[in-house]
């Protein structure tokens, strides 16, 4: 159950007491979890908390931010690992479509993960923007690597508005695909 709570962005206030912002989706999740606990002969309560005194609100916000900070830190580590991997392949001159595809898949995973983190970032701070900048940097590094792959493979990628065309450079008939 804690995995479902973490995935929703819940923070644990004390052992067994989890907190989420009051939304219909969160209320539904809490009720499903409560019913699951009851089916297992446990006791569960879902309590609406109408508001906190300022000092408690600050503590709650800091708990949520601390949880997201851990995720943003791990995200940053994985972005750095992708950038390092692309650098390693570049230094080795390993400009292949297979390497490019692997890096694209890693970037797609990072993008999906960042979207999940941001969806449960109820009290955004500078880390959200830093992660977006880091994601853009990863895209830029991969874009540069992709250009080098196309050149190494004898194919030039050309941008025409939003359409992409691949042009054969080896003197054979040039087919364009968008």
C-alpha atoms as a PDB file:
ATOM      1  CA  UNK A   1       0.000   0.000   0.000  1.00  0.00           C
ATOM      2  CA  UNK A   2       2.820   2.386   0.731  1.00  0.00           C
ATOM      3  CA  UNK A   3       3.901   2.118  -2.908  1.00  0.00           C
ATOM      4  CA  UNK A   4       0.489   3.315  -4.042  1.00  0.00           C
ATOM      5  CA  UNK A   5       0.671   6.153  -1.546  1.00  0.00           C
ATOM      6  CA  UNK A   6       4.179   7.124  -2.674  1.00  0.00           C
ATOM      7  CA  UNK A   7       3.136   6.960  -6.322  1.00  0.00           C
ATOM      8  CA  UNK A   8       0.317   9.390  -5.531  1.00  0.00           C
ATOM      9  CA  UNK A   9       2.802  11.707  -3.804  1.00  0.00           C
ATOM     10  CA  UNK A  10       1.644  11.088  -0.234  1.00  0.00           C
ATOM     11  CA  UNK A  11       3.941  11.912   2.629  1.00  0.00           C
ATOM     12  CA  UNK A  12       4.021  10.014   5.905  1.00  0.00           C
ATOM     13  CA  UNK A  13       3.418  12.266   8.890  1.00  0.00           C
ATOM     14  CA  UNK A  14       3.858   9.577  11.548  1.00  0.00           C
ATOM     15  CA  UNK A  15       4.051   5.795  11.293  1.00  0.00           C
ATOM     16  CA  UNK A  16       0.929   4.708   9.404  1.00  0.00           C
ATOM     17  CA  UNK A  17      -0.513   8.215   8.925  1.00  0.00           C
ATOM     18  CA  UNK A  18      -0.273   9.499   5.360  1.00  0.00           C
ATOM     19  CA  UNK A  19      -1.233  12.884   3.988  1.00  0.00           C
ATOM     20  CA  UNK A  20      -2.309  14.057   0.534  1.00  0.00           C
ATOM     21  CA  UNK A  21      -3.975  17.236  -0.701  1.00  0.00           C
ATOM     22  CA  UNK A  22      -7.768  17.042  -0.657  1.00  0.00           C
ATOM     23  CA  UNK A  23      -8.775  16.042  -4.193  1.00  0.00           C
ATOM     24  CA  UNK A  24     -11.391  13.607  -5.482  1.00  0.00           C
ATOM     25  CA  UNK A  25      -8.683  11.279  -6.837  1.00  0.00           C
ATOM     26  CA  UNK A  26      -6.826  11.248  -3.516  1.00  0.00           C
ATOM     27  CA  UNK A  27     -10.052  10.656  -1.558  1.00  0.00           C
ATOM     28  CA  UNK A  28     -10.847   7.707  -3.838  1.00  0.00           C
ATOM     29  CA  UNK A  29      -7.333   6.280  -3.340  1.00  0.00           C
ATOM     30  CA  UNK A  30      -7.561   6.616   0.440  1.00  0.00           C
ATOM     31  CA  UNK A  31     -10.967   4.933   0.471  1.00  0.00           C
ATOM     32  CA  UNK A  32      -9.719   2.039  -1.675  1.00  0.00           C
ATOM     33  CA  UNK A  33      -6.760   1.558   0.653  1.00  0.00           C
ATOM     34  CA  UNK A  34      -8.982   1.767   3.732  1.00  0.00           C
ATOM     35  CA  UNK A  35     -11.304  -0.894   2.292  1.00  0.00           C
ATOM     36  CA  UNK A  36      -8.299  -3.113   1.546  1.00  0.00           C
ATOM     37  CA  UNK A  37      -7.110  -2.757   5.151  1.00  0.00           C
ATOM     38  CA  UNK A  38     -10.581  -3.606   6.478  1.00  0.00           C
ATOM     39  CA  UNK A  39     -10.755  -6.700   4.203  1.00  0.00           C
ATOM     40  CA  UNK A  40      -7.528  -7.826   5.851  1.00  0.00           C
ATOM     41  CA  UNK A  41      -9.144  -7.392   9.288  1.00  0.00           C
ATOM     42  CA  UNK A  42      -7.265  -4.193  10.051  1.00  0.00           C
ATOM     43  CA  UNK A  43      -8.464  -0.769  11.050  1.00  0.00           C
ATOM     44  CA  UNK A  44      -8.180   2.225   8.782  1.00  0.00           C
ATOM     45  CA  UNK A  45      -9.504   5.762   8.937  1.00  0.00           C
ATOM     46  CA  UNK A  46      -9.699   8.490   6.338  1.00  0.00           C
ATOM     47  CA  UNK A  47      -9.888  11.880   7.977  1.00  0.00           C
ATOM     48  CA  UNK A  48     -10.432  15.216   6.291  1.00  0.00           C
ATOM     49  CA  UNK A  49      -8.286  17.935   7.801  1.00  0.00           C
ATOM     50  CA  UNK A  50      -9.838  21.320   7.016  1.00  0.00           C
ATOM     51  CA  UNK A  51      -6.733  23.369   7.717  1.00  0.00           C
ATOM     52  CA  UNK A  52      -3.551  23.583   9.723  1.00  0.00           C
ATOM     53  CA  UNK A  53      -2.085  26.304  11.882  1.00  0.00           C
ATOM     54  CA  UNK A  54       0.741  28.105  10.023  1.00  0.00           C
ATOM     55  CA  UNK A  55       3.546  26.238  11.803  1.00  0.00           C
ATOM     56  CA  UNK A  56       1.971  22.876  10.933  1.00  0.00           C
ATOM     57  CA  UNK A  57       1.354  23.965   7.335  1.00  0.00           C
ATOM     58  CA  UNK A  58       5.054  24.816   7.036  1.00  0.00           C
ATOM     59  CA  UNK A  59       6.040  21.407   8.434  1.00  0.00           C
ATOM     60  CA  UNK A  60       3.663  19.633   6.050  1.00  0.00           C
ATOM     61  CA  UNK A  61       4.995  21.580   3.073  1.00  0.00           C
ATOM     62  CA  UNK A  62       8.595  20.801   4.062  1.00  0.00           C
ATOM     63  CA  UNK A  63       7.797  17.066   4.314  1.00  0.00           C
ATOM     64  CA  UNK A  64       6.319  17.028   0.831  1.00  0.00           C
ATOM     65  CA  UNK A  65       9.258  19.029  -0.532  1.00  0.00           C
ATOM     66  CA  UNK A  66      11.766  16.711   1.148  1.00  0.00           C
ATOM     67  CA  UNK A  67      10.116  13.699  -0.488  1.00  0.00           C
ATOM     68  CA  UNK A  68      10.219  15.342  -3.914  1.00  0.00           C
ATOM     69  CA  UNK A  69      13.789  16.561  -3.336  1.00  0.00           C
ATOM     70  CA  UNK A  70      14.937  12.949  -3.035  1.00  0.00           C
ATOM     71  CA  UNK A  71      13.246  12.144  -6.321  1.00  0.00           C
ATOM     72  CA  UNK A  72      14.611  15.221  -8.084  1.00  0.00           C
ATOM     73  CA  UNK A  73      18.110  14.371  -6.795  1.00  0.00           C
ATOM     74  CA  UNK A  74      17.882  10.836  -8.165  1.00  0.00           C
ATOM     75  CA  UNK A  75      16.495  12.200 -11.429  1.00  0.00           C
ATOM     76  CA  UNK A  76      19.499  14.537 -11.670  1.00  0.00           C
ATOM     77  CA  UNK A  77      21.864  11.603 -11.071  1.00  0.00           C
ATOM     78  CA  UNK A  78      20.268   9.615 -13.876  1.00  0.00           C
ATOM     79  CA  UNK A  79      20.393  12.603 -16.213  1.00  0.00           C
ATOM     80  CA  UNK A  80      24.094  12.973 -15.447  1.00  0.00           C
ATOM     81  CA  UNK A  81      24.555   9.263 -16.164  1.00  0.00           C
ATOM     82  CA  UNK A  82      22.877   9.646 -19.561  1.00  0.00           C
ATOM     83  CA  UNK A  83      25.025  12.657 -20.422  1.00  0.00           C
ATOM     84  CA  UNK A  84      28.123  10.736 -19.300  1.00  0.00           C
ATOM     85  CA  UNK A  85      27.102   7.725 -21.404  1.00  0.00           C
ATOM     86  CA  UNK A  86      26.658   9.891 -24.490  1.00  0.00           C
ATOM     87  CA  UNK A  87      30.048  11.487 -23.785  1.00  0.00           C
ATOM     88  CA  UNK A  88      31.655   8.049 -23.483  1.00  0.00           C
ATOM     89  CA  UNK A  89      30.147   6.917 -26.792  1.00  0.00           C
ATOM     90  CA  UNK A  90      31.232  10.176 -28.420  1.00  0.00           C
ATOM     91  CA  UNK A  91      34.824   9.811 -27.181  1.00  0.00           C
ATOM     92  CA  UNK A  92      34.840   6.210 -28.446  1.00  0.00           C
ATOM     93  CA  UNK A  93      33.468   7.343 -31.823  1.00  0.00           C
ATOM     94  CA  UNK A  94      30.611   4.873 -31.414  1.00  0.00           C
ATOM     95  CA  UNK A  95      28.162   6.713 -33.664  1.00  0.00           C
ATOM     96  CA  UNK A  96      25.597   4.023 -34.432  1.00  0.00           C
ATOM     97  CA  UNK A  97      21.840   4.007 -34.720  1.00  0.00           C
ATOM     98  CA  UNK A  98      21.744   1.297 -32.029  1.00  0.00           C
ATOM     99  CA  UNK A  99      23.542   3.557 -29.535  1.00  0.00           C
ATOM    100  CA  UNK A 100      21.336   6.488 -30.506  1.00  0.00           C
ATOM    101  CA  UNK A 101      18.178   4.404 -30.048  1.00  0.00           C
ATOM    102  CA  UNK A 102      19.336   3.188 -26.634  1.00  0.00           C
ATOM    103  CA  UNK A 103      19.977   6.762 -25.528  1.00  0.00           C
ATOM    104  CA  UNK A 104      16.595   7.864 -26.927  1.00  0.00           C
ATOM    105  CA  UNK A 105      14.899   5.137 -24.882  1.00  0.00           C
ATOM    106  CA  UNK A 106      16.746   6.271 -21.769  1.00  0.00           C
ATOM    107  CA  UNK A 107      15.700   9.862 -22.435  1.00  0.00           C
ATOM    108  CA  UNK A 108      12.065   8.786 -22.901  1.00  0.00           C
ATOM    109  CA  UNK A 109      12.194   6.976 -19.533  1.00  0.00           C
ATOM    110  CA  UNK A 110      13.594  10.104 -17.913  1.00  0.00           C
ATOM    111  CA  UNK A 111      10.853  12.238 -19.457  1.00  0.00           C
ATOM    112  CA  UNK A 112       8.113   9.903 -18.186  1.00  0.00           C
ATOM    113  CA  UNK A 113       9.688   9.805 -14.753  1.00  0.00           C
ATOM    114  CA  UNK A 114       9.994  13.592 -14.582  1.00  0.00           C
ATOM    115  CA  UNK A 115       6.315  13.926 -15.512  1.00  0.00           C
ATOM    116  CA  UNK A 116       5.412  11.589 -12.622  1.00  0.00           C
ATOM    117  CA  UNK A 117       7.554  13.534 -10.173  1.00  0.00           C
ATOM    118  CA  UNK A 118       6.063  16.835 -11.295  1.00  0.00           C
ATOM    119  CA  UNK A 119       2.514  15.455 -11.044  1.00  0.00           C
ATOM    120  CA  UNK A 120       3.038  14.737  -7.344  1.00  0.00           C
ATOM    121  CA  UNK A 121       5.041  17.892  -6.643  1.00  0.00           C
ATOM    122  CA  UNK A 122       2.309  19.703  -4.716  1.00  0.00           C
ATOM    123  CA  UNK A 123       4.623  22.426  -3.401  1.00  0.00           C
ATOM    124  CA  UNK A 124       6.996  23.171  -6.293  1.00  0.00           C
ATOM    125  CA  UNK A 125      10.223  24.975  -5.581  1.00  0.00           C
ATOM    126  CA  UNK A 126      13.378  25.670  -7.594  1.00  0.00           C
ATOM    127  CA  UNK A 127      14.071  21.937  -7.997  1.00  0.00           C
ATOM    128  CA  UNK A 128      11.198  21.616 -10.474  1.00  0.00           C
ATOM    129  CA  UNK A 129      12.751  24.257 -12.741  1.00  0.00           C
ATOM    130  CA  UNK A 130      16.247  22.806 -12.283  1.00  0.00           C
ATOM    131  CA  UNK A 131      14.948  19.389 -13.366  1.00  0.00           C
ATOM    132  CA  UNK A 132      13.301  20.911 -16.451  1.00  0.00           C
ATOM    133  CA  UNK A 133      16.575  22.622 -17.363  1.00  0.00           C
ATOM    134  CA  UNK A 134      18.470  19.367 -16.863  1.00  0.00           C
ATOM    135  CA  UNK A 135      15.965  17.519 -19.042  1.00  0.00           C
ATOM    136  CA  UNK A 136      16.444  20.129 -21.775  1.00  0.00           C
ATOM    137  CA  UNK A 137      20.219  19.691 -21.461  1.00  0.00           C
ATOM    138  CA  UNK A 138      19.854  15.923 -21.908  1.00  0.00           C
ATOM    139  CA  UNK A 139      17.728  16.508 -25.010  1.00  0.00           C
ATOM    140  CA  UNK A 140      20.332  18.907 -26.382  1.00  0.00           C
ATOM    141  CA  UNK A 141      23.227  16.512 -25.778  1.00  0.00           C
ATOM    142  CA  UNK A 142      21.293  13.657 -27.377  1.00  0.00           C
ATOM    143  CA  UNK A 143      20.354  15.877 -30.307  1.00  0.00           C
ATOM    144  CA  UNK A 144      24.031  16.648 -30.915  1.00  0.00           C
ATOM    145  CA  UNK A 145      24.904  12.960 -30.669  1.00  0.00           C
ATOM    146  CA  UNK A 146      22.078  12.120 -33.080  1.00  0.00           C
ATOM    147  CA  UNK A 147      23.438  14.593 -35.643  1.00  0.00           C
ATOM    148  CA  UNK A 148      26.852  12.929 -35.359  1.00  0.00           C
ATOM    149  CA  UNK A 149      25.255   9.487 -35.810  1.00  0.00           C
ATOM    150  CA  UNK A 150      23.440  10.599 -38.969  1.00  0.00           C
ATOM    151  CA  UNK A 151      26.664  11.995 -40.374  1.00  0.00           C
ATOM    152  CA  UNK A 152      28.677   8.887 -39.453  1.00  0.00           C
ATOM    153  CA  UNK A 153      26.032   6.665 -41.050  1.00  0.00           C
ATOM    154  CA  UNK A 154      26.071   8.773 -44.220  1.00  0.00           C
ATOM    155  CA  UNK A 155      22.670  10.293 -43.604  1.00  0.00           C
ATOM    156  CA  UNK A 156      21.973  13.937 -42.943  1.00  0.00           C
ATOM    157  CA  UNK A 157      18.961  14.952 -40.861  1.00  0.00           C
ATOM    158  CA  UNK A 158      17.317  18.092 -42.150  1.00  0.00           C
ATOM    159  CA  UNK A 159      14.615  20.052 -40.376  1.00  0.00           C
ATOM    160  CA  UNK A 160      11.896  21.655 -42.443  1.00  0.00           C
ATOM    161  CA  UNK A 161       9.438  23.296 -40.092  1.00  0.00           C
ATOM    162  CA  UNK A 162       8.026  20.511 -37.995  1.00  0.00           C
ATOM    163  CA  UNK A 163       8.625  17.768 -40.567  1.00  0.00           C
ATOM    164  CA  UNK A 164      11.812  15.722 -40.635  1.00  0.00           C
ATOM    165  CA  UNK A 165      13.349  14.386 -43.796  1.00  0.00           C
ATOM    166  CA  UNK A 166      16.216  11.947 -44.155  1.00  0.00           C
ATOM    167  CA  UNK A 167      18.435  12.510 -47.176  1.00  0.00           C
ATOM    168  CA  UNK A 168      20.863   9.846 -48.416  1.00  0.00           C
ATOM    169  CA  UNK A 169      24.344  11.309 -48.919  1.00  0.00           C
ATOM    170  CA  UNK A 170      26.163   8.468 -50.626  1.00  0.00           C
ATOM    171  CA  UNK A 171      25.181   9.464 -54.166  1.00  0.00           C
ATOM    172  CA  UNK A 172      22.326   6.977 -54.433  1.00  0.00           C
ATOM    173  CA  UNK A 173      18.862   8.171 -55.291  1.00  0.00           C
ATOM    174  CA  UNK A 174      17.771  10.444 -52.498  1.00  0.00           C
ATOM    175  CA  UNK A 175      14.491   9.485 -50.932  1.00  0.00           C
ATOM    176  CA  UNK A 176      12.873  11.867 -48.513  1.00  0.00           C
ATOM    177  CA  UNK A 177      10.528  10.762 -45.842  1.00  0.00           C
ATOM    178  CA  UNK A 178       8.686  13.016 -43.476  1.00  0.00           C
END
